[in-house]
N, C-alpha and C. Protein backbone atom coordinates (compact mmCIF):
# COMPACT_ATOMS: atom_id res chain seq x y z
N UNK A 1 6.19 -28.79 5.46
CA UNK A 1 5.36 -28.50 4.04
C UNK A 1 6.10 -29.11 3.54
N UNK A 2 5.27 -30.04 2.43
CA UNK A 2 5.77 -31.18 1.44
C UNK A 2 5.89 -30.95 0.67
N UNK A 3 7.10 -31.07 -0.29
CA UNK A 3 7.07 -30.89 -1.43
C UNK A 3 7.28 -32.18 -2.01
N UNK A 4 7.10 -32.64 -3.32
CA UNK A 4 7.00 -33.78 -3.94
C UNK A 4 7.62 -33.75 -5.44
N UNK A 5 8.05 -32.64 -5.61
CA UNK A 5 8.65 -32.48 -7.40
C UNK A 5 8.89 -31.01 -7.31
N UNK A 6 10.29 -30.65 -7.93
CA UNK A 6 10.78 -29.36 -8.30
C UNK A 6 9.78 -28.85 -9.39
N UNK A 7 10.24 -27.71 -9.77
CA UNK A 7 9.46 -27.19 -11.08
C UNK A 7 10.58 -27.60 -12.22
N UNK A 8 10.01 -27.46 -12.99
CA UNK A 8 10.57 -27.50 -14.62
C UNK A 8 10.91 -25.70 -15.32
N UNK A 9 12.30 -25.94 -14.72
CA UNK A 9 12.60 -24.37 -15.11
C UNK A 9 12.82 -24.03 -16.23
N UNK A 10 12.58 -24.51 -17.12
CA UNK A 10 12.55 -24.70 -18.51
C UNK A 10 11.38 -24.29 -18.97
N UNK A 11 10.26 -25.00 -18.47
CA UNK A 11 8.96 -24.53 -18.69
C UNK A 11 8.06 -23.49 -18.85
N UNK A 12 8.04 -23.25 -17.27
CA UNK A 12 7.31 -22.13 -16.51
C UNK A 12 7.91 -20.86 -16.94
N UNK A 13 8.90 -20.36 -16.62
CA UNK A 13 9.33 -19.19 -17.87
C UNK A 13 9.24 -19.06 -18.78
N UNK A 14 8.92 -20.19 -19.76
CA UNK A 14 8.85 -20.03 -21.16
C UNK A 14 7.37 -19.90 -21.69
N UNK A 15 6.57 -19.67 -20.46
CA UNK A 15 5.38 -19.37 -21.17
C UNK A 15 4.98 -17.90 -20.86
N UNK A 16 4.97 -17.64 -22.27
CA UNK A 16 4.58 -16.18 -23.28
C UNK A 16 3.56 -15.45 -22.49
N UNK A 17 2.49 -15.55 -21.65
CA UNK A 17 1.11 -15.71 -21.25
C UNK A 17 1.28 -15.06 -19.67
N UNK A 18 2.59 -15.67 -19.41
CA UNK A 18 2.59 -15.39 -17.57
C UNK A 18 1.94 -16.88 -16.91
N UNK A 19 1.94 -16.98 -16.08
CA UNK A 19 1.34 -17.60 -15.12
C UNK A 19 0.19 -16.89 -13.70
N UNK A 20 -0.48 -18.38 -13.35
CA UNK A 20 -1.23 -17.64 -12.82
C UNK A 20 -0.63 -17.16 -11.04
N UNK A 21 -0.93 -16.33 -10.29
CA UNK A 21 -0.65 -15.76 -9.19
C UNK A 21 -0.04 -17.20 -8.33
N UNK A 22 -1.60 -17.87 -8.14
CA UNK A 22 -1.05 -19.21 -7.43
C UNK A 22 -0.01 -19.83 -7.56
N UNK A 23 0.16 -20.14 -9.35
CA UNK A 23 1.49 -20.74 -9.68
C UNK A 23 2.70 -19.96 -9.37
N UNK A 24 2.62 -18.78 -9.56
CA UNK A 24 4.04 -18.32 -9.51
C UNK A 24 4.32 -18.41 -8.07
N UNK A 25 3.44 -18.12 -6.90
CA UNK A 25 3.57 -18.34 -5.65
C UNK A 25 4.21 -19.80 -5.53
N UNK A 26 3.60 -21.02 -5.80
CA UNK A 26 4.46 -22.25 -5.67
C UNK A 26 5.97 -22.17 -6.01
N UNK A 27 5.95 -21.76 -7.42
CA UNK A 27 7.56 -21.82 -7.78
C UNK A 27 8.32 -21.31 -6.96
N UNK A 28 7.77 -19.81 -6.30
CA UNK A 28 8.57 -18.83 -5.51
C UNK A 28 9.01 -19.90 -4.04
N UNK A 29 7.96 -20.78 -3.88
CA UNK A 29 9.01 -21.94 -3.03
C UNK A 29 8.94 -23.32 -3.81
N UNK A 30 9.66 -23.38 -4.82
CA UNK A 30 10.31 -24.07 -5.53
C UNK A 30 9.53 -25.47 -5.51
N UNK A 31 7.96 -25.49 -5.56
CA UNK A 31 7.20 -26.49 -5.53
C UNK A 31 6.78 -26.28 -7.11
N UNK A 32 6.20 -27.11 -7.56
CA UNK A 32 5.86 -27.50 -9.14
C UNK A 32 4.61 -27.59 -8.80
N UNK A 33 4.01 -26.21 -9.46
CA UNK A 33 2.38 -25.90 -9.47
C UNK A 33 1.52 -27.35 -9.72
N UNK A 34 2.16 -27.90 -11.30
CA UNK A 34 1.35 -29.15 -11.50
C UNK A 34 1.01 -30.34 -10.72
N UNK A 35 2.23 -30.02 -9.39
CA UNK A 35 1.90 -31.09 -8.92
C UNK A 35 1.15 -31.22 -7.61
N UNK A 36 0.62 -29.60 -7.17
CA UNK A 36 0.12 -29.26 -6.43
C UNK A 36 -1.29 -28.58 -6.61
N UNK A 37 -2.20 -28.62 -6.58
CA UNK A 37 -3.11 -27.82 -7.95
C UNK A 37 -4.14 -26.96 -6.15
N UNK A 38 -4.02 -25.76 -6.73
CA UNK A 38 -5.10 -24.79 -5.98
C UNK A 38 -5.80 -25.67 -4.64
N UNK A 39 -6.67 -26.49 -5.10
CA UNK A 39 -7.49 -26.61 -4.37
C UNK A 39 -6.71 -27.84 -3.32
N UNK A 40 -5.72 -28.28 -3.28
CA UNK A 40 -5.30 -29.19 -2.31
C UNK A 40 -3.94 -28.55 -1.72
N UNK A 41 -3.75 -27.69 -2.00
CA UNK A 41 -2.54 -27.02 -1.47
C UNK A 41 -2.37 -26.69 0.21
N UNK A 42 -3.78 -26.33 0.86
CA UNK A 42 -3.76 -25.93 2.01
C UNK A 42 -3.67 -26.85 3.04
N UNK A 43 -3.40 -28.67 2.01
CA UNK A 43 -3.08 -29.97 2.61
C UNK A 43 -1.72 -29.89 3.44
N UNK A 44 -0.72 -28.91 2.38
CA UNK A 44 0.61 -28.91 3.04
C UNK A 44 0.91 -27.68 3.05
N UNK A 45 0.67 -26.69 2.85
CA UNK A 45 0.60 -25.26 3.47
C UNK A 45 0.03 -24.98 5.24
N UNK A 46 0.85 -25.84 5.82
CA UNK A 46 0.56 -26.16 7.24
C UNK A 46 0.78 -25.01 8.12
N UNK A 47 1.82 -23.92 7.51
CA UNK A 47 2.13 -22.66 8.26
C UNK A 47 1.72 -21.78 7.77
N UNK A 48 0.83 -21.92 6.46
CA UNK A 48 0.07 -20.79 6.22
C UNK A 48 1.07 -19.96 5.11
N UNK A 49 2.54 -19.86 5.06
CA UNK A 49 3.31 -18.96 4.12
C UNK A 49 2.75 -18.95 2.46
N UNK A 50 2.17 -19.72 2.12
CA UNK A 50 1.45 -19.86 0.87
C UNK A 50 1.23 -18.92 0.35
N UNK A 51 -0.44 -18.88 1.46
CA UNK A 51 -1.36 -18.83 1.47
C UNK A 51 -1.07 -16.80 1.88
N UNK A 52 0.04 -16.55 2.58
CA UNK A 52 0.16 -15.09 3.15
C UNK A 52 0.81 -14.56 2.00
N UNK A 53 1.53 -15.59 1.11
CA UNK A 53 2.41 -14.76 -0.06
C UNK A 53 1.75 -14.68 -0.85
N UNK A 54 0.94 -15.59 -1.59
CA UNK A 54 -0.35 -14.78 -2.70
C UNK A 54 -1.49 -14.18 -2.39
N UNK A 55 -1.95 -14.01 -0.93
CA UNK A 55 -2.54 -12.77 -0.70
C UNK A 55 -1.89 -11.64 -0.86
N UNK A 56 -0.29 -11.61 -0.24
CA UNK A 56 0.28 -10.16 -0.61
C UNK A 56 0.60 -10.12 -2.01
N UNK A 57 1.04 -11.16 -3.04
CA UNK A 57 0.70 -10.79 -4.03
C UNK A 57 -0.37 -10.55 -5.08
N UNK A 58 -1.41 -10.69 -4.63
CA UNK A 58 -2.51 -10.12 -5.48
C UNK A 58 -2.80 -8.26 -4.70
N UNK A 59 -2.57 -8.44 -3.49
CA UNK A 59 -2.76 -6.59 -2.70
C UNK A 59 -1.58 -5.94 -3.75
N UNK A 60 -0.60 -6.34 -4.39
CA UNK A 60 0.44 -5.98 -5.09
C UNK A 60 0.49 -5.49 -6.79
N UNK A 61 -0.32 -6.48 -6.84
CA UNK A 61 -0.39 -6.59 -8.23
C UNK A 61 -1.31 -5.34 -9.05
N UNK A 62 -2.16 -4.68 -8.51
CA UNK A 62 -2.42 -3.81 -8.68
C UNK A 62 -1.79 -2.01 -8.94
N UNK A 63 -0.65 -2.52 -8.39
CA UNK A 63 0.44 -1.12 -8.88
C UNK A 63 1.30 -1.38 -9.55
N UNK A 64 1.03 -0.88 -10.41
CA UNK A 64 2.06 -0.57 -11.82
C UNK A 64 3.34 -0.51 -12.03
N UNK A 65 3.84 -0.27 -10.33
CA UNK A 65 4.90 0.13 -10.45
C UNK A 65 5.68 -0.87 -10.62
N UNK A 66 5.30 -2.21 -10.04
CA UNK A 66 5.90 -3.44 -10.08
C UNK A 66 5.05 -4.46 -11.27
N UNK A 67 4.39 -4.14 -11.84
CA UNK A 67 3.99 -4.89 -12.75
C UNK A 67 2.77 -4.45 -13.54
N UNK A 68 2.84 -5.12 -15.23
CA UNK A 68 2.56 -4.30 -16.58
C UNK A 68 1.15 -3.86 -16.15
N UNK A 69 0.85 -2.85 -17.01
CA UNK A 69 -0.61 -2.57 -17.16
C UNK A 69 -1.38 -3.34 -17.38
N UNK A 70 -1.15 -4.42 -18.20
CA UNK A 70 -2.43 -5.80 -18.58
C UNK A 70 -2.16 -6.56 -17.39
N UNK A 71 -1.94 -6.33 -16.35
CA UNK A 71 -1.48 -7.34 -15.04
C UNK A 71 -2.49 -6.94 -14.02
N UNK A 72 -1.74 -5.47 -13.61
CA UNK A 72 -2.34 -4.42 -12.85
C UNK A 72 -3.81 -4.33 -13.02
N UNK A 73 -4.24 -3.91 -14.05
CA UNK A 73 -5.55 -2.95 -14.78
C UNK A 73 -6.46 -4.13 -14.78
N UNK A 74 -6.14 -5.59 -14.60
CA UNK A 74 -7.23 -6.81 -14.22
C UNK A 74 -7.07 -7.73 -13.01
N UNK A 75 -6.46 -6.72 -11.83
CA UNK A 75 -5.95 -7.72 -10.54
C UNK A 75 -7.54 -8.23 -9.93
N UNK A 76 -7.89 -7.20 -9.99
CA UNK A 76 -9.45 -7.31 -9.46
C UNK A 76 -10.47 -8.77 -9.85
N UNK A 77 -10.13 -8.86 -10.84
CA UNK A 77 -10.93 -10.28 -11.36
C UNK A 77 -10.65 -10.95 -11.11
N UNK A 78 -9.36 -11.47 -10.39
CA UNK A 78 -8.88 -12.79 -10.18
C UNK A 78 -8.12 -13.53 -11.83
N UNK A 79 -8.52 -13.48 -12.72
CA UNK A 79 -8.46 -14.54 -13.47
C UNK A 79 -7.18 -13.90 -14.67
N UNK A 80 -6.05 -12.96 -14.16
CA UNK A 80 -5.11 -12.30 -14.94
C UNK A 80 -3.85 -13.23 -14.45
N UNK A 81 -2.97 -13.04 -15.06
CA UNK A 81 -1.87 -13.85 -15.06
C UNK A 81 -0.75 -13.00 -14.79
N UNK A 82 0.50 -13.14 -14.24
CA UNK A 82 1.79 -12.52 -13.76
C UNK A 82 2.88 -12.66 -14.26
N UNK A 83 3.96 -11.88 -14.88
CA UNK A 83 5.00 -12.17 -15.77
C UNK A 83 6.07 -13.04 -14.52
N UNK A 84 6.45 -13.95 -14.78
CA UNK A 84 7.46 -14.11 -13.57
C UNK A 84 8.82 -13.76 -13.51
N UNK A 85 9.63 -13.06 -14.47
CA UNK A 85 10.34 -11.66 -14.47
C UNK A 85 10.29 -10.73 -13.31
N UNK A 86 8.54 -9.89 -13.36
CA UNK A 86 8.02 -9.27 -12.61
C UNK A 86 7.70 -9.64 -11.67
N UNK A 87 7.29 -10.80 -11.28
CA UNK A 87 7.11 -11.70 -9.69
C UNK A 87 8.77 -11.50 -9.29
N UNK A 88 9.44 -12.04 -9.96
CA UNK A 88 10.95 -12.36 -9.43
C UNK A 88 11.49 -11.10 -8.72
N UNK A 89 10.75 -9.66 -9.47
CA UNK A 89 12.02 -8.72 -9.41
C UNK A 89 11.16 -8.10 -7.98
N UNK A 90 9.70 -8.35 -8.02
CA UNK A 90 8.91 -7.99 -6.75
C UNK A 90 9.74 -8.78 -5.33
N UNK A 91 9.22 -9.86 -5.68
CA UNK A 91 10.04 -10.51 -4.61
C UNK A 91 11.51 -10.32 -4.24
N UNK A 92 12.27 -9.97 -4.60
CA UNK A 92 13.64 -9.29 -4.45
C UNK A 92 13.65 -7.69 -3.73
N UNK A 93 12.63 -7.11 -3.92
CA UNK A 93 12.44 -6.00 -3.63
C UNK A 93 11.55 -6.30 -2.45
N UNK A 94 10.74 -7.43 -2.10
CA UNK A 94 10.08 -7.37 -0.56
C UNK A 94 10.85 -8.02 0.42
N UNK A 95 12.21 -8.61 -0.10
CA UNK A 95 13.28 -9.06 0.75
C UNK A 95 12.72 -10.61 1.10
N UNK A 96 12.05 -11.18 0.72
CA UNK A 96 11.36 -12.62 0.53
C UNK A 96 12.85 -13.55 0.86
N UNK A 97 12.92 -14.45 1.88
CA UNK A 97 14.14 -15.00 1.95
C UNK A 97 13.38 -16.47 0.92
N UNK A 98 14.77 -17.03 0.70
CA UNK A 98 15.00 -18.39 0.21
C UNK A 98 13.98 -18.62 -1.01
N UNK A 99 14.59 -17.62 -2.22
CA UNK A 99 14.01 -17.54 -3.40
C UNK A 99 14.89 -18.62 -4.48
N UNK A 100 14.12 -19.46 -4.80
CA UNK A 100 14.85 -20.50 -5.97
C UNK A 100 15.99 -19.36 -6.21
N UNK A 101 17.00 -20.02 -7.24
CA UNK A 101 18.10 -19.25 -7.71
C UNK A 101 17.56 -19.01 -9.09
N UNK A 102 16.70 -19.76 -9.38
CA UNK A 102 16.36 -19.73 -10.97
C UNK A 102 15.19 -18.96 -10.97
N UNK A 103 14.28 -18.91 -9.89
CA UNK A 103 13.58 -17.66 -9.78
C UNK A 103 14.36 -16.35 -9.94
N UNK A 104 14.90 -16.37 -9.04
CA UNK A 104 15.51 -14.94 -8.64
C UNK A 104 16.45 -14.32 -10.00
N UNK A 105 17.60 -15.23 -10.57
CA UNK A 105 18.02 -14.54 -11.27
C UNK A 105 17.28 -14.51 -13.01
N UNK A 106 15.80 -14.53 -12.93
CA UNK A 106 14.71 -14.16 -13.60
C UNK A 106 14.58 -12.49 -13.11
N UNK A 107 14.91 -12.15 -12.23
CA UNK A 107 14.25 -10.74 -11.92
C UNK A 107 14.80 -9.41 -12.73
N UNK A 108 16.61 -10.30 -13.00
CA UNK A 108 17.20 -9.06 -13.98
C UNK A 108 16.49 -9.12 -15.54
N UNK A 109 15.46 -9.74 -15.82
CA UNK A 109 14.98 -9.93 -17.20
C UNK A 109 13.68 -8.51 -16.68
N UNK A 110 12.99 -8.09 -15.75
CA UNK A 110 12.22 -7.69 -15.73
C UNK A 110 12.29 -5.62 -15.98
N UNK A 111 11.29 -5.14 -16.25
CA UNK A 111 11.54 -3.78 -16.74
C UNK A 111 12.22 -3.02 -15.30
N UNK A 112 12.55 -1.74 -15.56
CA UNK A 112 12.91 -1.29 -14.18
C UNK A 112 11.62 -0.91 -13.80
N UNK A 113 11.38 -0.60 -12.42
CA UNK A 113 9.76 -0.05 -11.85
C UNK A 113 9.83 1.34 -12.25
N UNK A 114 7.97 1.53 -12.62
CA UNK A 114 7.98 2.90 -12.54
C UNK A 114 7.70 3.74 -11.31
N UNK A 115 7.73 4.59 -11.98
CA UNK A 115 7.81 5.62 -10.94
C UNK A 115 6.75 5.69 -9.78
N UNK A 116 5.70 5.01 -9.31
CA UNK A 116 4.66 5.11 -8.71
C UNK A 116 4.66 3.49 -7.37
N UNK A 117 5.91 3.42 -7.75
CA UNK A 117 6.50 2.09 -6.83
C UNK A 117 6.37 2.78 -5.33
N UNK A 118 5.77 1.85 -4.02
CA UNK A 118 5.75 2.37 -2.43
C UNK A 118 6.59 1.53 -2.30
N UNK A 119 7.74 2.19 -1.54
CA UNK A 119 8.74 1.13 -1.10
C UNK A 119 7.98 0.54 0.42
N UNK A 120 8.65 -0.79 0.56
CA UNK A 120 7.79 -1.22 1.69
C UNK A 120 9.09 -1.00 2.77
N UNK A 121 9.54 -0.24 3.41
CA UNK A 121 10.29 -0.36 4.27
C UNK A 121 9.67 1.43 4.10
N UNK A 122 10.17 1.71 5.80
CA UNK A 122 10.02 2.94 6.11
C UNK A 122 10.75 3.99 6.20
N UNK A 123 11.04 5.00 5.24
CA UNK A 123 12.01 6.14 5.41
C UNK A 123 11.88 6.86 7.14
N UNK A 124 13.13 7.43 6.90
CA UNK A 124 13.42 8.37 7.78
C UNK A 124 12.61 9.31 7.49
N UNK A 125 12.05 10.23 8.13
CA UNK A 125 11.52 11.56 8.36
C UNK A 125 12.96 12.83 8.13
N UNK A 126 12.44 13.98 6.91
CA UNK A 126 13.59 14.80 6.70
C UNK A 126 13.27 15.45 8.27
N UNK A 127 14.60 16.35 8.73
CA UNK A 127 14.76 16.98 9.68
C UNK A 127 15.36 18.17 8.63
N UNK A 128 14.53 19.24 9.36
CA UNK A 128 14.76 20.61 8.51
C UNK A 128 16.33 21.03 9.35
N UNK A 129 16.99 20.73 10.20
CA UNK A 129 18.07 21.20 10.49
C UNK A 129 19.47 20.60 9.47
N UNK A 130 19.14 19.38 8.50
CA UNK A 130 20.19 18.70 8.62
C UNK A 130 20.25 19.55 6.83
N UNK A 131 21.41 19.39 6.51
CA UNK A 131 21.65 19.77 4.87
C UNK A 131 20.94 19.07 3.73
N UNK A 132 19.96 19.72 3.05
CA UNK A 132 19.18 18.43 1.78
C UNK A 132 20.38 17.80 0.93
N UNK A 133 21.28 18.08 0.80
CA UNK A 133 22.02 17.00 -0.28
C UNK A 133 22.25 16.02 0.87
N UNK A 134 22.02 15.90 2.31
CA UNK A 134 22.50 14.71 3.21
C UNK A 134 21.35 14.35 3.00
N UNK A 135 19.95 14.34 3.39
CA UNK A 135 18.90 13.49 3.52
C UNK A 135 18.02 13.56 2.30
N UNK A 136 18.61 13.78 1.19
CA UNK A 136 17.66 13.46 0.22
C UNK A 136 17.01 12.18 -0.15
N UNK A 137 16.15 11.46 -0.23
CA UNK A 137 15.65 10.49 -0.48
C UNK A 137 15.77 9.62 -1.65
N UNK A 138 16.37 8.21 -1.53
CA UNK A 138 16.47 7.91 -2.72
C UNK A 138 15.22 7.32 -2.96
N UNK A 139 15.08 7.06 -4.37
CA UNK A 139 13.93 6.41 -5.18
C UNK A 139 13.54 4.92 -4.88
N UNK A 140 12.98 4.02 -4.69
CA UNK A 140 12.80 3.02 -4.82
C UNK A 140 13.56 2.29 -6.00
N UNK A 141 13.31 3.22 -7.02
CA UNK A 141 13.96 2.31 -8.44
C UNK A 141 15.26 2.18 -8.14
N UNK A 142 16.48 3.39 -8.20
CA UNK A 142 18.00 2.30 -8.02
C UNK A 142 17.83 0.99 -6.79
N UNK A 143 17.42 1.20 -5.94
CA UNK A 143 17.76 -0.07 -5.05
C UNK A 143 16.97 -1.12 -5.83
N UNK A 144 16.01 -1.10 -6.07
CA UNK A 144 15.51 -2.30 -6.43
C UNK A 144 16.49 -2.86 -7.92
N UNK A 145 16.95 -2.11 -8.61
CA UNK A 145 17.88 -2.24 -9.80
C UNK A 145 18.62 -3.08 -9.55
N UNK A 146 19.23 -2.14 -8.20
CA UNK A 146 20.82 -3.15 -7.79
C UNK A 146 20.13 -4.32 -6.69
N UNK A 147 19.34 -4.44 -6.20
CA UNK A 147 19.17 -5.77 -5.41
C UNK A 147 18.91 -7.09 -6.78
N UNK A 148 17.97 -6.48 -7.71
CA UNK A 148 17.65 -7.32 -8.74
C UNK A 148 19.22 -7.68 -9.77
N UNK A 149 20.26 -6.89 -9.70
CA UNK A 149 21.05 -6.99 -10.79
C UNK A 149 22.23 -8.11 -9.47
N UNK A 150 22.18 -7.84 -7.94
CA UNK A 150 22.48 -8.49 -6.75
C UNK A 150 22.51 -9.92 -6.97
N UNK A 151 20.36 -10.26 -7.46
CA UNK A 151 20.27 -11.66 -7.33
C UNK A 151 20.87 -12.52 -8.24
N UNK A 152 20.58 -11.61 -9.31
CA UNK A 152 21.66 -12.57 -10.43
C UNK A 152 22.45 -12.71 -10.76
N UNK A 153 23.91 -11.91 -10.31
CA UNK A 153 24.96 -12.21 -9.36
C UNK A 153 25.11 -13.41 -8.54
N UNK A 154 24.03 -13.05 -7.57
CA UNK A 154 24.33 -14.27 -6.65
C UNK A 154 24.08 -15.51 -7.03
N UNK A 155 23.34 -15.58 -7.77
CA UNK A 155 22.34 -17.04 -8.42
C UNK A 155 23.77 -17.72 -8.93
N UNK A 156 24.16 -16.69 -9.79
CA UNK A 156 25.70 -17.76 -11.05
C UNK A 156 26.70 -18.14 -10.29
N UNK A 157 26.91 -17.12 -9.17
CA UNK A 157 28.24 -17.44 -8.34
C UNK A 157 27.66 -18.76 -7.76
N UNK A 158 26.70 -18.72 -6.97
CA UNK A 158 26.14 -20.07 -6.36
C UNK A 158 26.60 -21.28 -7.21
N UNK A 159 25.90 -20.93 -8.36
CA UNK A 159 25.57 -21.90 -9.14
C UNK A 159 26.96 -22.36 -10.01
N UNK A 160 28.17 -21.95 -9.82
CA UNK A 160 29.59 -21.89 -10.38
C UNK A 160 30.21 -22.67 -9.42
N UNK A 161 29.62 -22.23 -7.59
CA UNK A 161 30.18 -23.19 -6.60
C UNK A 161 31.25 -22.26 -5.89
N UNK A 162 30.75 -20.64 -6.24
CA UNK A 162 31.31 -20.21 -5.38
C UNK A 162 30.60 -19.84 -4.16
N UNK A 163 30.68 -18.95 -2.80
CA UNK A 163 30.01 -19.04 -1.82
C UNK A 163 30.35 -17.13 -1.53
N UNK A 164 29.11 -16.13 -2.40
CA UNK A 164 29.38 -14.91 -2.15
C UNK A 164 28.77 -14.42 -1.41
N UNK A 165 29.30 -13.24 -0.75
CA UNK A 165 28.87 -12.28 0.56
C UNK A 165 28.45 -10.69 -0.41
N UNK A 166 27.74 -9.91 0.71
CA UNK A 166 27.18 -8.83 0.52
C UNK A 166 28.41 -7.67 0.29
N UNK A 167 29.58 -8.35 1.16
CA UNK A 167 30.67 -7.52 0.72
C UNK A 167 31.40 -8.03 -0.77
N UNK A 168 31.25 -9.48 -1.40
CA UNK A 168 32.17 -9.75 -1.99
C UNK A 168 31.59 -9.21 -3.40
N UNK A 169 30.47 -8.81 -3.63
CA UNK A 169 29.66 -8.38 -4.71
C UNK A 169 29.70 -6.29 -4.37
N UNK A 170 29.96 -6.12 -3.94
CA UNK A 170 29.31 -4.27 -3.42
C UNK A 170 30.37 -3.76 -4.59
N UNK A 171 31.13 -4.34 -5.06
CA UNK A 171 32.51 -3.53 -5.63
C UNK A 171 32.08 -3.70 -7.11
N UNK A 172 31.77 -4.72 -7.49
CA UNK A 172 31.16 -4.89 -8.61
C UNK A 172 29.95 -4.45 -9.07
N UNK A 173 29.05 -4.60 -7.90
CA UNK A 173 27.71 -3.52 -8.22
C UNK A 173 27.74 -2.47 -8.35
N UNK A 174 28.84 -1.60 -7.75
CA UNK A 174 29.53 -0.23 -8.07
C UNK A 174 29.60 -0.31 -9.46
N UNK A 175 30.58 -0.80 -9.83
CA UNK A 175 31.02 -0.69 -11.04
C UNK A 175 29.71 -1.05 -12.21
N UNK A 176 28.65 -1.75 -11.86
CA UNK A 176 27.42 -2.11 -12.80
C UNK A 176 26.55 -0.97 -12.67
N UNK A 177 26.80 -0.38 -11.62
CA UNK A 177 25.75 0.99 -11.84
C UNK A 177 26.39 2.36 -12.57
N UNK A 178 27.88 2.29 -12.39
CA UNK A 178 28.18 3.52 -13.62
C UNK A 178 28.14 3.32 -14.21
N UNK A 179 28.10 1.89 -15.70
CA UNK A 179 28.31 1.21 -16.83
C UNK A 179 26.70 1.42 -17.03
N UNK A 180 25.89 1.00 -15.96
CA UNK A 180 23.89 1.01 -16.71
C UNK A 180 23.82 2.55 -16.37
N UNK A 181 24.19 3.17 -15.83
CA UNK A 181 23.85 4.81 -15.55
C UNK A 181 22.89 4.33 -14.02
N UNK A 182 22.99 3.76 -13.65
CA UNK A 182 21.90 4.07 -12.30
C UNK A 182 22.49 5.01 -11.58
N UNK A 183 21.51 5.60 -10.97
CA UNK A 183 22.00 7.02 -9.83
C UNK A 183 21.38 6.87 -9.13
N UNK A 184 21.21 7.48 -8.16
CA UNK A 184 20.12 7.66 -6.95
C UNK A 184 19.53 8.54 -7.64
N UNK A 185 18.46 9.50 -6.23
CA UNK A 185 17.81 10.66 -7.10
C UNK A 185 18.26 11.74 -6.84
N UNK A 186 19.80 12.00 -6.06
CA UNK A 186 20.35 13.02 -5.89
C UNK A 186 21.46 12.96 -6.98
N UNK A 187 21.51 12.54 -8.34
CA UNK A 187 21.99 12.17 -9.17
C UNK A 187 23.25 12.06 -8.88
N UNK A 188 23.55 10.75 -8.43
CA UNK A 188 24.74 10.65 -8.15
C UNK A 188 25.02 8.85 -8.41
N UNK A 189 26.28 8.53 -8.88
CA UNK A 189 26.45 6.63 -9.10
C UNK A 189 26.76 6.60 -7.57
N UNK A 190 26.09 5.37 -6.77
CA UNK A 190 26.24 4.62 -5.43
C UNK A 190 27.88 4.21 -5.45
N UNK A 191 28.59 4.46 -4.40
CA UNK A 191 29.50 3.65 -4.07
C UNK A 191 29.20 2.36 -3.77
N UNK A 192 30.36 1.72 -3.85
CA UNK A 192 30.16 0.15 -3.09
C UNK A 192 29.71 0.21 -1.58
N UNK A 193 30.15 1.22 -0.81
CA UNK A 193 29.66 1.44 0.64
C UNK A 193 28.29 1.63 0.74
N UNK A 194 27.92 2.78 -0.29
CA UNK A 194 26.60 3.38 -0.34
C UNK A 194 25.44 2.25 -0.55
N UNK A 195 26.02 1.59 -1.55
CA UNK A 195 24.94 0.67 -2.12
C UNK A 195 24.76 -0.36 -0.48
N UNK A 196 26.07 -1.21 -0.35
CA UNK A 196 25.86 -1.82 0.93
C UNK A 196 25.02 -1.56 2.24
N UNK A 197 25.20 0.01 2.29
CA UNK A 197 24.46 0.53 3.17
C UNK A 197 23.32 0.56 2.95
N UNK A 198 23.06 1.19 2.05
CA UNK A 198 21.32 1.62 1.49
C UNK A 198 20.73 0.29 0.59
N UNK A 199 21.33 -0.55 0.23
CA UNK A 199 20.63 -1.81 -0.73
C UNK A 199 20.76 -3.11 -0.23
N UNK A 200 22.08 -3.09 0.27
CA UNK A 200 22.39 -4.59 0.12
C UNK A 200 22.31 -5.17 2.17
N UNK A 201 22.37 -4.15 2.96
CA UNK A 201 22.55 -4.82 4.01
C UNK A 201 21.21 -5.28 4.77
N UNK A 202 19.98 -4.54 4.06
CA UNK A 202 18.55 -5.29 4.46
C UNK A 202 18.06 -6.25 3.44
N UNK A 203 18.90 -6.57 2.48
CA UNK A 203 18.19 -7.19 1.14
C UNK A 203 19.08 -9.03 1.91
N UNK A 204 17.95 -9.90 1.04
CA UNK A 204 17.91 -11.27 1.84
C UNK A 204 18.36 -11.90 0.18
N UNK A 205 19.78 -12.32 0.38
CA UNK A 205 19.89 -13.02 -0.98
C UNK A 205 19.31 -14.31 -1.19
N UNK A 206 18.79 -14.59 -2.62
CA UNK A 206 18.14 -15.99 -2.61
C UNK A 206 19.27 -17.18 -2.17
N UNK A 207 18.74 -18.25 -1.41
CA UNK A 207 19.05 -19.49 -1.40
C UNK A 207 18.78 -20.83 -1.90
N UNK A 208 19.93 -21.58 -2.44
CA UNK A 208 19.77 -22.74 -2.81
C UNK A 208 18.50 -23.67 -1.96
């Protein structure tokens, strides 16, 4: 993949009406959409990763659990735009790797996901012989909120020259959950160990 110029991260997030889906995907690869027009992009997307991400995004844009109704309601037309904070939160939730830290940091500005979010992971089936309290499924909402906050903190720490790990941020995330009122479906504040096991272990941190 050939990258000529990095995006202007002051310009693109400032667009009040959002960006086109292909522009959002270009930004997620740290590519300036102004330097790679849609008609030319397939010349440098040799492995097809950009095309696949755009196709996947368009499939999810009809899901109001991730994207605002004004976006999801016109997803079929192909002329709609996506808000970068919502797109960033979706990238984090989907577990994409190598998200630009400037984009990952925008995820914290997205509203909490709505109730119709369908998780991308496969949940284990409930066993009738297990106590209900132990098998109560967590909603995708609390995990996404934790992962979004983790991405924001991760980007800030990396920018400050730190080398964060999932273990080093889990205690801070547990404290943040208590302060922000983030709870699982069983109405408990997740502990640091619980956060690591259920929200961070499979989560892919943003990389510069």
